[in-house]
PDB file of N, CA and C in Angstrom:
ATOM      1  N   MET A   1       6.642   4.593  12.352  1.00  0.00           N
ATOM      2  CA  MET A   1       6.763   4.059  11.015  1.00  0.00           C
ATOM      3  C   MET A   1       7.357   5.114  10.094  1.00  0.00           C
ATOM      4  N   GLN A   2       8.247   4.683   9.244  1.00  0.00           N
ATOM      5  CA  GLN A   2       8.841   5.561   8.241  1.00  0.00           C
ATOM      6  C   GLN A   2       8.186   5.279   6.897  1.00  0.00           C
ATOM      7  N   ILE A   3       7.916   6.352   6.141  1.00  0.00           N
ATOM      8  CA  ILE A   3       7.360   6.225   4.800  1.00  0.00           C
ATOM      9  C   ILE A   3       8.313   6.932   3.844  1.00  0.00           C
ATOM     10  N   LYS A   4       8.862   6.179   2.901  1.00  0.00           N
ATOM     11  CA  LYS A   4       9.716   6.776   1.880  1.00  0.00           C
ATOM     12  C   LYS A   4       8.962   6.780   0.565  1.00  0.00           C
ATOM     13  N   GLU A   5       9.060   7.879  -0.156  1.00  0.00           N
ATOM     14  CA  GLU A   5       8.350   8.021  -1.425  1.00  0.00           C
ATOM     15  C   GLU A   5       9.340   8.156  -2.573  1.00  0.00           C
ATOM     16  N   LYS A   6       9.036   7.459  -3.657  1.00  0.00           N
ATOM     17  CA  LYS A   6       9.839   7.539  -4.870  1.00  0.00           C
ATOM     18  C   LYS A   6       8.870   7.502  -6.043  1.00  0.00           C
ATOM     19  N   VAL A   7       9.172   8.210  -7.115  1.00  0.00           N
ATOM     20  CA  VAL A   7       8.331   8.178  -8.309  1.00  0.00           C
ATOM     21  C   VAL A   7       9.132   7.579  -9.452  1.00  0.00           C
ATOM     22  N   ASP A   8       8.551   6.574 -10.105  1.00  0.00           N
ATOM     23  CA  ASP A   8       9.196   5.882 -11.214  1.00  0.00           C
ATOM     24  C   ASP A   8       8.174   5.743 -12.338  1.00  0.00           C
ATOM     25  N   SER A   9       8.399   6.424 -13.447  1.00  0.00           N
ATOM     26  CA  SER A   9       7.509   6.355 -14.610  1.00  0.00           C
ATOM     27  C   SER A   9       6.052   6.632 -14.242  1.00  0.00           C
ATOM     28  N   ASN A  10       5.810   7.732 -13.568  1.00  0.00           N
ATOM     29  CA  ASN A  10       4.468   8.147 -13.157  1.00  0.00           C
ATOM     30  C   ASN A  10       3.791   7.174 -12.189  1.00  0.00           C
ATOM     31  N   VAL A  11       4.579   6.378 -11.483  1.00  0.00           N
ATOM     32  CA  VAL A  11       4.063   5.505 -10.437  1.00  0.00           C
ATOM     33  C   VAL A  11       4.725   5.914  -9.124  1.00  0.00           C
ATOM     34  N   ALA A  12       3.914   6.190  -8.118  1.00  0.00           N
ATOM     35  CA  ALA A  12       4.441   6.510  -6.795  1.00  0.00           C
ATOM     36  C   ALA A  12       4.692   5.201  -6.056  1.00  0.00           C
ATOM     37  N   ILE A  13       5.894   5.061  -5.524  1.00  0.00           N
ATOM     38  CA  ILE A  13       6.257   3.878  -4.738  1.00  0.00           C
ATOM     39  C   ILE A  13       6.466   4.337  -3.303  1.00  0.00           C
ATOM     40  N   LEU A  14       5.635   3.811  -2.409  1.00  0.00           N
ATOM     41  CA  LEU A  14       5.757   4.125  -0.995  1.00  0.00           C
ATOM     42  C   LEU A  14       6.340   2.917  -0.286  1.00  0.00           C
ATOM     43  N   SER A  15       7.457   3.103   0.386  1.00  0.00           N
ATOM     44  CA  SER A  15       8.088   2.024   1.142  1.00  0.00           C
ATOM     45  C   SER A  15       7.861   2.277   2.624  1.00  0.00           C
ATOM     46  N   PHE A  16       7.235   1.303   3.275  1.00  0.00           N
ATOM     47  CA  PHE A  16       6.943   1.408   4.702  1.00  0.00           C
ATOM     48  C   PHE A  16       7.991   0.646   5.489  1.00  0.00           C
ATOM     49  N   LYS A  17       8.411   1.227   6.614  1.00  0.00           N
ATOM     50  CA  LYS A  17       9.331   0.545   7.515  1.00  0.00           C
ATOM     51  C   LYS A  17       8.820   0.721   8.933  1.00  0.00           C
ATOM     52  N   GLY A  18       8.480  -0.383   9.571  1.00  0.00           N
ATOM     53  CA  GLY A  18       7.915  -0.367  10.908  1.00  0.00           C
ATOM     54  C   GLY A  18       6.582  -1.083  10.906  1.00  0.00           C
ATOM     55  N   ASP A  19       5.991  -1.227  12.066  1.00  0.00           N
ATOM     56  CA  ASP A  19       4.704  -1.905  12.178  1.00  0.00           C
ATOM     57  C   ASP A  19       3.571  -0.910  11.978  1.00  0.00           C
ATOM     58  N   LEU A  20       2.502  -1.383  11.355  1.00  0.00           N
ATOM     59  CA  LEU A  20       1.336  -0.540  11.100  1.00  0.00           C
ATOM     60  C   LEU A  20       0.246  -0.943  12.089  1.00  0.00           C
ATOM     61  N   LEU A  21       0.231  -0.247  13.237  1.00  0.00           N
ATOM     62  CA  LEU A  21      -0.620  -0.670  14.350  1.00  0.00           C
ATOM     63  C   LEU A  21      -1.666   0.343  14.783  1.00  0.00           C
ATOM     64  N   GLY A  22      -1.524   1.585  14.438  1.00  0.00           N
ATOM     65  CA  GLY A  22      -2.494   2.586  14.881  1.00  0.00           C
ATOM     66  C   GLY A  22      -1.925   3.982  14.745  1.00  0.00           C
ATOM     67  N   GLU A  23      -2.521   4.899  15.472  1.00  0.00           N
ATOM     68  CA  GLU A  23      -2.101   6.302  15.406  1.00  0.00           C
ATOM     69  C   GLU A  23      -0.705   6.494  15.978  1.00  0.00           C
ATOM     70  N   PRO A  24       0.080   7.405  15.478  1.00  0.00           N
ATOM     71  CA  PRO A  24      -0.205   8.329  14.377  1.00  0.00           C
ATOM     72  C   PRO A  24       0.123   7.742  13.007  1.00  0.00           C
ATOM     73  N   ASP A  25       0.644   6.519  12.974  1.00  0.00           N
ATOM     74  CA  ASP A  25       1.084   5.925  11.706  1.00  0.00           C
ATOM     75  C   ASP A  25      -0.037   5.797  10.690  1.00  0.00           C
ATOM     76  N   THR A  26      -1.210   5.353  11.145  1.00  0.00           N
ATOM     77  CA  THR A  26      -2.304   5.159  10.196  1.00  0.00           C
ATOM     78  C   THR A  26      -2.751   6.492   9.589  1.00  0.00           C
ATOM     79  N   SER A  27      -2.773   7.547  10.379  1.00  0.00           N
ATOM     80  CA  SER A  27      -3.121   8.879   9.851  1.00  0.00           C
ATOM     81  C   SER A  27      -2.085   9.353   8.848  1.00  0.00           C
ATOM     82  N   ASN A  28      -0.817   9.104   9.135  1.00  0.00           N
ATOM     83  CA  ASN A  28       0.251   9.511   8.220  1.00  0.00           C
ATOM     84  C   ASN A  28       0.126   8.799   6.880  1.00  0.00           C
ATOM     85  N   VAL A  29      -0.217   7.516   6.911  1.00  0.00           N
ATOM     86  CA  VAL A  29      -0.381   6.749   5.666  1.00  0.00           C
ATOM     87  C   VAL A  29      -1.568   7.307   4.880  1.00  0.00           C
ATOM     88  N   ARG A  30      -2.696   7.503   5.540  1.00  0.00           N
ATOM     89  CA  ARG A  30      -3.882   8.037   4.852  1.00  0.00           C
ATOM     90  C   ARG A  30      -3.606   9.431   4.281  1.00  0.00           C
ATOM     91  N   ASP A  31      -2.921  10.271   5.049  1.00  0.00           N
ATOM     92  CA  ASP A  31      -2.587  11.617   4.567  1.00  0.00           C
ATOM     93  C   ASP A  31      -1.690  11.559   3.338  1.00  0.00           C
ATOM     94  N   LYS A  32      -0.728  10.655   3.342  1.00  0.00           N
ATOM     95  CA  LYS A  32       0.183  10.513   2.201  1.00  0.00           C
ATOM     96  C   LYS A  32      -0.592  10.091   0.954  1.00  0.00           C
ATOM     97  N   ILE A  33      -1.494   9.127   1.108  1.00  0.00           N
ATOM     98  CA  ILE A  33      -2.293   8.660  -0.032  1.00  0.00           C
ATOM     99  C   ILE A  33      -3.198   9.771  -0.549  1.00  0.00           C
ATOM    100  N   HIS A  34      -3.857  10.497   0.359  1.00  0.00           N
ATOM    101  CA  HIS A  34      -4.717  11.624  -0.050  1.00  0.00           C
ATOM    102  C   HIS A  34      -3.904  12.669  -0.805  1.00  0.00           C
ATOM    103  N   SER A  35      -2.695  12.936  -0.345  1.00  0.00           N
ATOM    104  CA  SER A  35      -1.819  13.907  -1.000  1.00  0.00           C
ATOM    105  C   SER A  35      -1.473  13.459  -2.420  1.00  0.00           C
ATOM    106  N   LEU A  36      -1.138  12.177  -2.581  1.00  0.00           N
ATOM    107  CA  LEU A  36      -0.800  11.655  -3.909  1.00  0.00           C
ATOM    108  C   LEU A  36      -1.997  11.732  -4.855  1.00  0.00           C
ATOM    109  N   VAL A  37      -3.163  11.351  -4.350  1.00  0.00           N
ATOM    110  CA  VAL A  37      -4.374  11.397  -5.183  1.00  0.00           C
ATOM    111  C   VAL A  37      -4.700  12.849  -5.545  1.00  0.00           C
ATOM    112  N   SER A  38      -4.531  13.770  -4.606  1.00  0.00           N
ATOM    113  CA  SER A  38      -4.761  15.196  -4.877  1.00  0.00           C
ATOM    114  C   SER A  38      -3.807  15.732  -5.933  1.00  0.00           C
ATOM    115  N   ASP A  39      -2.602  15.158  -5.967  1.00  0.00           N
ATOM    116  CA  ASP A  39      -1.607  15.549  -6.969  1.00  0.00           C
ATOM    117  C   ASP A  39      -1.799  14.806  -8.285  1.00  0.00           C
ATOM    118  N   ASN A  40      -2.950  14.118  -8.419  1.00  0.00           N
ATOM    119  CA  ASN A  40      -3.321  13.392  -9.632  1.00  0.00           C
ATOM    120  C   ASN A  40      -2.406  12.206  -9.929  1.00  0.00           C
ATOM    121  N   MET A  41      -1.839  11.618  -8.885  1.00  0.00           N
ATOM    122  CA  MET A  41      -1.041  10.408  -9.043  1.00  0.00           C
ATOM    123  C   MET A  41      -2.020   9.238  -9.113  1.00  0.00           C
ATOM    124  N   LYS A  42      -2.052   8.549 -10.258  1.00  0.00           N
ATOM    125  CA  LYS A  42      -3.058   7.512 -10.497  1.00  0.00           C
ATOM    126  C   LYS A  42      -2.571   6.104 -10.194  1.00  0.00           C
ATOM    127  N   ARG A  43      -1.269   5.924 -10.117  1.00  0.00           N
ATOM    128  CA  ARG A  43      -0.709   4.591  -9.901  1.00  0.00           C
ATOM    129  C   ARG A  43       0.185   4.606  -8.673  1.00  0.00           C
ATOM    130  N   ILE A  44      -0.154   3.749  -7.718  1.00  0.00           N
ATOM    131  CA  ILE A  44       0.585   3.728  -6.456  1.00  0.00           C
ATOM    132  C   ILE A  44       0.917   2.290  -6.081  1.00  0.00           C
ATOM    133  N   VAL A  45       2.177   2.076  -5.691  1.00  0.00           N
ATOM    134  CA  VAL A  45       2.621   0.790  -5.169  1.00  0.00           C
ATOM    135  C   VAL A  45       3.050   1.011  -3.725  1.00  0.00           C
ATOM    136  N   ILE A  46       2.551   0.171  -2.827  1.00  0.00           N
ATOM    137  CA  ILE A  46       2.989   0.209  -1.439  1.00  0.00           C
ATOM    138  C   ILE A  46       3.863  -1.007  -1.198  1.00  0.00           C
ATOM    139  N   ASP A  47       5.123  -0.751  -0.869  1.00  0.00           N
ATOM    140  CA  ASP A  47       6.099  -1.806  -0.577  1.00  0.00           C
ATOM    141  C   ASP A  47       6.039  -2.109   0.914  1.00  0.00           C
ATOM    142  N   LEU A  48       5.587  -3.319   1.244  1.00  0.00           N
ATOM    143  CA  LEU A  48       5.426  -3.707   2.638  1.00  0.00           C
ATOM    144  C   LEU A  48       6.580  -4.560   3.165  1.00  0.00           C
ATOM    145  N   SER A  49       7.705  -4.575   2.450  1.00  0.00           N
ATOM    146  CA  SER A  49       8.831  -5.425   2.871  1.00  0.00           C
ATOM    147  C   SER A  49       9.359  -5.055   4.255  1.00  0.00           C
ATOM    148  N   GLY A  50       9.194  -3.806   4.667  1.00  0.00           N
ATOM    149  CA  GLY A  50       9.686  -3.364   5.964  1.00  0.00           C
ATOM    150  C   GLY A  50       8.651  -3.467   7.081  1.00  0.00           C
ATOM    151  N   VAL A  51       7.489  -4.063   6.779  1.00  0.00           N
ATOM    152  CA  VAL A  51       6.421  -4.189   7.782  1.00  0.00           C
ATOM    153  C   VAL A  51       6.376  -5.630   8.271  1.00  0.00           C
ATOM    154  N   ASN A  52       6.628  -5.816   9.561  1.00  0.00           N
ATOM    155  CA  ASN A  52       6.605  -7.157  10.135  1.00  0.00           C
ATOM    156  C   ASN A  52       5.250  -7.520  10.721  1.00  0.00           C
ATOM    157  N   TYR A  53       4.521  -6.517  11.167  1.00  0.00           N
ATOM    158  CA  TYR A  53       3.248  -6.800  11.806  1.00  0.00           C
ATOM    159  C   TYR A  53       2.241  -5.693  11.509  1.00  0.00           C
ATOM    160  N   MET A  54       0.976  -6.093  11.420  1.00  0.00           N
ATOM    161  CA  MET A  54      -0.106  -5.161  11.162  1.00  0.00           C
ATOM    162  C   MET A  54      -1.324  -5.661  11.943  1.00  0.00           C
ATOM    163  N   ASN A  55      -2.067  -4.737  12.534  1.00  0.00           N
ATOM    164  CA  ASN A  55      -3.284  -5.142  13.248  1.00  0.00           C
ATOM    165  C   ASN A  55      -4.508  -4.654  12.470  1.00  0.00           C
ATOM    166  N   SER A  56      -5.674  -4.696  13.108  1.00  0.00           N
ATOM    167  CA  SER A  56      -6.909  -4.310  12.423  1.00  0.00           C
ATOM    168  C   SER A  56      -6.891  -2.840  12.003  1.00  0.00           C
ATOM    169  N   SER A  57      -6.237  -1.984  12.770  1.00  0.00           N
ATOM    170  CA  SER A  57      -6.119  -0.573  12.375  1.00  0.00           C
ATOM    171  C   SER A  57      -5.319  -0.437  11.092  1.00  0.00           C
ATOM    172  N   GLY A  58      -4.236  -1.205  10.985  1.00  0.00           N
ATOM    173  CA  GLY A  58      -3.422  -1.188   9.774  1.00  0.00           C
ATOM    174  C   GLY A  58      -4.184  -1.708   8.568  1.00  0.00           C
ATOM    175  N   ILE A  59      -4.929  -2.784   8.773  1.00  0.00           N
ATOM    176  CA  ILE A  59      -5.738  -3.341   7.685  1.00  0.00           C
ATOM    177  C   ILE A  59      -6.781  -2.321   7.232  1.00  0.00           C
ATOM    178  N   GLY A  60      -7.455  -1.705   8.201  1.00  0.00           N
ATOM    179  CA  GLY A  60      -8.458  -0.690   7.868  1.00  0.00           C
ATOM    180  C   GLY A  60      -7.863   0.470   7.099  1.00  0.00           C
ATOM    181  N   THR A  61      -6.655   0.835   7.460  1.00  0.00           N
ATOM    182  CA  THR A  61      -5.972   1.927   6.765  1.00  0.00           C
ATOM    183  C   THR A  61      -5.686   1.562   5.319  1.00  0.00           C
ATOM    184  N   LEU A  62      -5.202   0.341   5.068  1.00  0.00           N
ATOM    185  CA  LEU A  62      -4.931  -0.076   3.694  1.00  0.00           C
ATOM    186  C   LEU A  62      -6.216  -0.151   2.874  1.00  0.00           C
ATOM    187  N   ILE A  63      -7.299  -0.609   3.488  1.00  0.00           N
ATOM    188  CA  ILE A  63      -8.582  -0.648   2.779  1.00  0.00           C
ATOM    189  C   ILE A  63      -9.048   0.767   2.450  1.00  0.00           C
ATOM    190  N   ALA A  64      -8.885   1.689   3.399  1.00  0.00           N
ATOM    191  CA  ALA A  64      -9.245   3.093   3.154  1.00  0.00           C
ATOM    192  C   ALA A  64      -8.393   3.684   2.034  1.00  0.00           C
ATOM    193  N   CYS A  65      -7.118   3.323   1.999  1.00  0.00           N
ATOM    194  CA  CYS A  65      -6.228   3.809   0.940  1.00  0.00           C
ATOM    195  C   CYS A  65      -6.672   3.283  -0.417  1.00  0.00           C
ATOM    196  N   LEU A  66      -7.030   2.015  -0.468  1.00  0.00           N
ATOM    197  CA  LEU A  66      -7.518   1.424  -1.718  1.00  0.00           C
ATOM    198  C   LEU A  66      -8.773   2.158  -2.187  1.00  0.00           C
ATOM    199  N   ALA A  67      -9.686   2.423  -1.264  1.00  0.00           N
ATOM    200  CA  ALA A  67     -10.920   3.133  -1.617  1.00  0.00           C
ATOM    201  C   ALA A  67     -10.626   4.546  -2.125  1.00  0.00           C
ATOM    202  N   THR A  68      -9.703   5.239  -1.473  1.00  0.00           N
ATOM    203  CA  THR A  68      -9.345   6.604  -1.871  1.00  0.00           C
ATOM    204  C   THR A  68      -8.739   6.630  -3.266  1.00  0.00           C
ATOM    205  N   VAL A  69      -7.803   5.717  -3.517  1.00  0.00           N
ATOM    206  CA  VAL A  69      -7.130   5.674  -4.820  1.00  0.00           C
ATOM    207  C   VAL A  69      -8.126   5.291  -5.921  1.00  0.00           C
ATOM    208  N   THR A  70      -8.962   4.307  -5.652  1.00  0.00           N
ATOM    209  CA  THR A  70      -9.952   3.865  -6.634  1.00  0.00           C
ATOM    210  C   THR A  70     -10.959   4.975  -6.933  1.00  0.00           C
ATOM    211  N   ALA A  71     -11.417   5.667  -5.898  1.00  0.00           N
ATOM    212  CA  ALA A  71     -12.364   6.774  -6.079  1.00  0.00           C
ATOM    213  C   ALA A  71     -11.741   7.902  -6.899  1.00  0.00           C
ATOM    214  N   GLY A  72     -10.421   8.047  -6.809  1.00  0.00           N
ATOM    215  CA  GLY A  72      -9.711   9.062  -7.574  1.00  0.00           C
ATOM    216  C   GLY A  72      -9.366   8.613  -8.988  1.00  0.00           C
ATOM    217  N   GLY A  73      -9.847   7.433  -9.374  1.00  0.00           N
ATOM    218  CA  GLY A  73      -9.607   6.922 -10.721  1.00  0.00           C
ATOM    219  C   GLY A  73      -8.268   6.237 -10.880  1.00  0.00           C
ATOM    220  N   GLY A  74      -7.650   5.859  -9.764  1.00  0.00           N
ATOM    221  CA  GLY A  74      -6.326   5.247  -9.836  1.00  0.00           C
ATOM    222  C   GLY A  74      -6.322   3.779  -9.477  1.00  0.00           C
ATOM    223  N   GLU A  75      -5.109   3.244  -9.402  1.00  0.00           N
ATOM    224  CA  GLU A  75      -4.908   1.840  -9.071  1.00  0.00           C
ATOM    225  C   GLU A  75      -3.856   1.736  -7.972  1.00  0.00           C
ATOM    226  N   LEU A  76      -4.087   0.819  -7.037  1.00  0.00           N
ATOM    227  CA  LEU A  76      -3.168   0.585  -5.929  1.00  0.00           C
ATOM    228  C   LEU A  76      -2.702  -0.859  -5.962  1.00  0.00           C
ATOM    229  N   ARG A  77      -1.405  -1.059  -5.822  1.00  0.00           N
ATOM    230  CA  ARG A  77      -0.823  -2.397  -5.771  1.00  0.00           C
ATOM    231  C   ARG A  77      -0.014  -2.511  -4.483  1.00  0.00           C
ATOM    232  N   LEU A  78       0.048  -3.718  -3.926  1.00  0.00           N
ATOM    233  CA  LEU A  78       0.890  -4.000  -2.777  1.00  0.00           C
ATOM    234  C   LEU A  78       2.019  -4.919  -3.217  1.00  0.00           C
ATOM    235  N   ALA A  79       3.218  -4.670  -2.704  1.00  0.00           N
ATOM    236  CA  ALA A  79       4.378  -5.492  -3.051  1.00  0.00           C
ATOM    237  C   ALA A  79       5.066  -5.975  -1.776  1.00  0.00           C
ATOM    238  N   ASN A  80       5.722  -7.110  -1.896  1.00  0.00           N
ATOM    239  CA  ASN A  80       6.516  -7.682  -0.800  1.00  0.00           C
ATOM    240  C   ASN A  80       5.693  -7.920   0.464  1.00  0.00           C
ATOM    241  N   VAL A  81       4.502  -8.463   0.283  1.00  0.00           N
ATOM    242  CA  VAL A  81       3.660  -8.810   1.435  1.00  0.00           C
ATOM    243  C   VAL A  81       4.145 -10.169   1.919  1.00  0.00           C
ATOM    244  N   GLY A  82       4.747 -10.205   3.094  1.00  0.00           N
ATOM    245  CA  GLY A  82       5.323 -11.468   3.547  1.00  0.00           C
ATOM    246  C   GLY A  82       5.072 -11.747   5.007  1.00  0.00           C
ATOM    247  N   GLY A  83       5.474 -12.932   5.418  1.00  0.00           N
ATOM    248  CA  GLY A  83       5.443 -13.323   6.824  1.00  0.00           C
ATOM    249  C   GLY A  83       4.083 -13.224   7.455  1.00  0.00           C
ATOM    250  N   LYS A  84       4.054 -12.604   8.628  1.00  0.00           N
ATOM    251  CA  LYS A  84       2.820 -12.480   9.402  1.00  0.00           C
ATOM    252  C   LYS A  84       1.771 -11.647   8.666  1.00  0.00           C
ATOM    253  N   VAL A  85       2.217 -10.654   7.908  1.00  0.00           N
ATOM    254  CA  VAL A  85       1.273  -9.808   7.176  1.00  0.00           C
ATOM    255  C   VAL A  85       0.584 -10.633   6.079  1.00  0.00           C
ATOM    256  N   GLN A  86       1.338 -11.468   5.389  1.00  0.00           N
ATOM    257  CA  GLN A  86       0.759 -12.341   4.362  1.00  0.00           C
ATOM    258  C   GLN A  86      -0.266 -13.286   4.991  1.00  0.00           C
ATOM    259  N   ASN A  87       0.067 -13.867   6.130  1.00  0.00           N
ATOM    260  CA  ASN A  87      -0.868 -14.754   6.825  1.00  0.00           C
ATOM    261  C   ASN A  87      -2.153 -14.015   7.184  1.00  0.00           C
ATOM    262  N   LEU A  88      -2.021 -12.790   7.650  1.00  0.00           N
ATOM    263  CA  LEU A  88      -3.176 -11.969   7.989  1.00  0.00           C
ATOM    264  C   LEU A  88      -4.046 -11.707   6.753  1.00  0.00           C
ATOM    265  N   PHE A  89      -3.405 -11.441   5.624  1.00  0.00           N
ATOM    266  CA  PHE A  89      -4.143 -11.201   4.385  1.00  0.00           C
ATOM    267  C   PHE A  89      -4.882 -12.454   3.931  1.00  0.00           C
ATOM    268  N   VAL A  90      -4.288 -13.623   4.124  1.00  0.00           N
ATOM    269  CA  VAL A  90      -4.939 -14.875   3.743  1.00  0.00           C
ATOM    270  C   VAL A  90      -6.135 -15.144   4.651  1.00  0.00           C
ATOM    271  N   ILE A  91      -5.930 -15.010   5.954  1.00  0.00           N
ATOM    272  CA  ILE A  91      -6.996 -15.281   6.930  1.00  0.00           C
ATOM    273  C   ILE A  91      -8.189 -14.351   6.719  1.00  0.00           C
ATOM    274  N   THR A  92      -7.935 -13.091   6.445  1.00  0.00           N
ATOM    275  CA  THR A  92      -9.003 -12.105   6.280  1.00  0.00           C
ATOM    276  C   THR A  92      -9.547 -12.043   4.852  1.00  0.00           C
ATOM    277  N   GLN A  93      -8.991 -12.866   3.975  1.00  0.00           N
ATOM    278  CA  GLN A  93      -9.398 -12.917   2.567  1.00  0.00           C
ATOM    279  C   GLN A  93      -9.065 -11.630   1.795  1.00  0.00           C
ATOM    280  N   LEU A  94      -8.161 -10.815   2.346  1.00  0.00           N
ATOM    281  CA  LEU A  94      -7.776  -9.591   1.644  1.00  0.00           C
ATOM    282  C   LEU A  94      -6.923  -9.871   0.412  1.00  0.00           C
ATOM    283  N   VAL A  95      -6.430 -11.087   0.277  1.00  0.00           N
ATOM    284  CA  VAL A  95      -5.695 -11.450  -0.935  1.00  0.00           C
ATOM    285  C   VAL A  95      -6.626 -11.372  -2.148  1.00  0.00           C
ATOM    286  N   LYS A  96      -7.939 -11.425  -1.908  1.00  0.00           N
ATOM    287  CA  LYS A  96      -8.918 -11.311  -2.995  1.00  0.00           C
ATOM    288  C   LYS A  96      -9.280  -9.858  -3.281  1.00  0.00           C
ATOM    289  N   VAL A  97      -8.943  -8.965  -2.356  1.00  0.00           N
ATOM    290  CA  VAL A  97      -9.297  -7.552  -2.487  1.00  0.00           C
ATOM    291  C   VAL A  97      -8.156  -6.742  -3.107  1.00  0.00           C
ATOM    292  N   PHE A  98      -6.935  -7.012  -2.663  1.00  0.00           N
ATOM    293  CA  PHE A  98      -5.766  -6.261  -3.127  1.00  0.00           C
ATOM    294  C   PHE A  98      -5.023  -7.014  -4.220  1.00  0.00           C
ATOM    295  N   ASP A  99      -4.444  -6.250  -5.138  1.00  0.00           N
ATOM    296  CA  ASP A  99      -3.508  -6.819  -6.109  1.00  0.00           C
ATOM    297  C   ASP A  99      -2.147  -6.842  -5.435  1.00  0.00           C
ATOM    298  N   THR A 100      -1.631  -8.038  -5.176  1.00  0.00           N
ATOM    299  CA  THR A 100      -0.347  -8.165  -4.491  1.00  0.00           C
ATOM    300  C   THR A 100       0.683  -8.806  -5.416  1.00  0.00           C
ATOM    301  N   TYR A 101       1.927  -8.385  -5.248  1.00  0.00           N
ATOM    302  CA  TYR A 101       3.031  -8.857  -6.083  1.00  0.00           C
ATOM    303  C   TYR A 101       4.230  -9.189  -5.218  1.00  0.00           C
ATOM    304  N   GLU A 102       5.049 -10.119  -5.686  1.00  0.00           N
ATOM    305  CA  GLU A 102       6.215 -10.565  -4.932  1.00  0.00           C
ATOM    306  C   GLU A 102       7.254  -9.472  -4.792  1.00  0.00           C
ATOM    307  N   THR A 103       7.349  -8.600  -5.800  1.00  0.00           N
ATOM    308  CA  THR A 103       8.353  -7.534  -5.781  1.00  0.00           C
ATOM    309  C   THR A 103       7.747  -6.225  -6.301  1.00  0.00           C
ATOM    310  N   VAL A 104       8.401  -5.133  -5.996  1.00  0.00           N
ATOM    311  CA  VAL A 104       7.991  -3.834  -6.526  1.00  0.00           C
ATOM    312  C   VAL A 104       8.103  -3.845  -8.042  1.00  0.00           C
ATOM    313  N   GLU A 105       9.142  -4.467  -8.571  1.00  0.00           N
ATOM    314  CA  GLU A 105       9.359  -4.504 -10.016  1.00  0.00           C
ATOM    315  C   GLU A 105       8.196  -5.179 -10.731  1.00  0.00           C
ATOM    316  N   ARG A 106       7.681  -6.274 -10.162  1.00  0.00           N
ATOM    317  CA  ARG A 106       6.536  -6.964 -10.776  1.00  0.00           C
ATOM    318  C   ARG A 106       5.282  -6.104 -10.717  1.00  0.00           C
ATOM    319  N   ALA A 107       5.106  -5.392  -9.614  1.00  0.00           N
ATOM    320  CA  ALA A 107       3.952  -4.491  -9.502  1.00  0.00           C
ATOM    321  C   ALA A 107       4.051  -3.377 -10.539  1.00  0.00           C
ATOM    322  N   LEU A 108       5.245  -2.830 -10.735  1.00  0.00           N
ATOM    323  CA  LEU A 108       5.445  -1.788 -11.744  1.00  0.00           C
ATOM    324  C   LEU A 108       5.195  -2.311 -13.138  1.00  0.00           C
ATOM    325  N   ALA A 109       5.677  -3.516 -13.416  1.00  0.00           N
ATOM    326  CA  ALA A 109       5.485  -4.129 -14.732  1.00  0.00           C
ATOM    327  C   ALA A 109       3.999  -4.328 -15.022  1.00  0.00           C
ATOM    328  N   ASN A 110       3.227  -4.647 -13.995  1.00  0.00           N
ATOM    329  CA  ASN A 110       1.796  -4.860 -14.171  1.00  0.00           C
ATOM    330  C   ASN A 110       1.105  -3.586 -14.623  1.00  0.00           C
ATOM    331  N   PHE A 111       1.550  -2.434 -14.173  1.00  0.00           N
ATOM    332  CA  PHE A 111       0.955  -1.172 -14.609  1.00  0.00           C
ATOM    333  C   PHE A 111       1.198  -0.920 -16.095  1.00  0.00           C
ATOM    334  N   LYS A 112       2.318  -1.390 -16.592  1.00  0.00           N
ATOM    335  CA  LYS A 112       2.694  -1.107 -17.977  1.00  0.00           C
ATOM    336  C   LYS A 112       1.970  -1.992 -18.968  1.00  0.00           C
ATOM    337  N   GLU A 113       1.353  -3.068 -18.480  1.00  0.00           N
ATOM    338  CA  GLU A 113       0.683  -4.005 -19.380  1.00  0.00           C
ATOM    339  C   GLU A 113      -0.611  -3.439 -19.913  1.00  0.00           C
TER     340      GLU A 113
END
């Protein structure tokens, strides 16, 4: 899995490309989130447009990331959750846990409100 990072108006945007299925990808995602929180980054958007599939390890990783960001006093948003990943979020009721947006731009706009 590839993780690209961009900062826009004090919001870190992480774009994932590849499937989120287990090690070492899940460790890399958690490490990236811990690094951002350590750097006092309070607003994070994860763009999932490049993720076609995610299993229970991937879901657990996103939940851990949400907990880490929230514990650090920040907010986490997910953008471009589609296809099989969206179905997984509906089935597991994670649509009630995460703030999800159709696009990165909408997620960014939500922070500014």
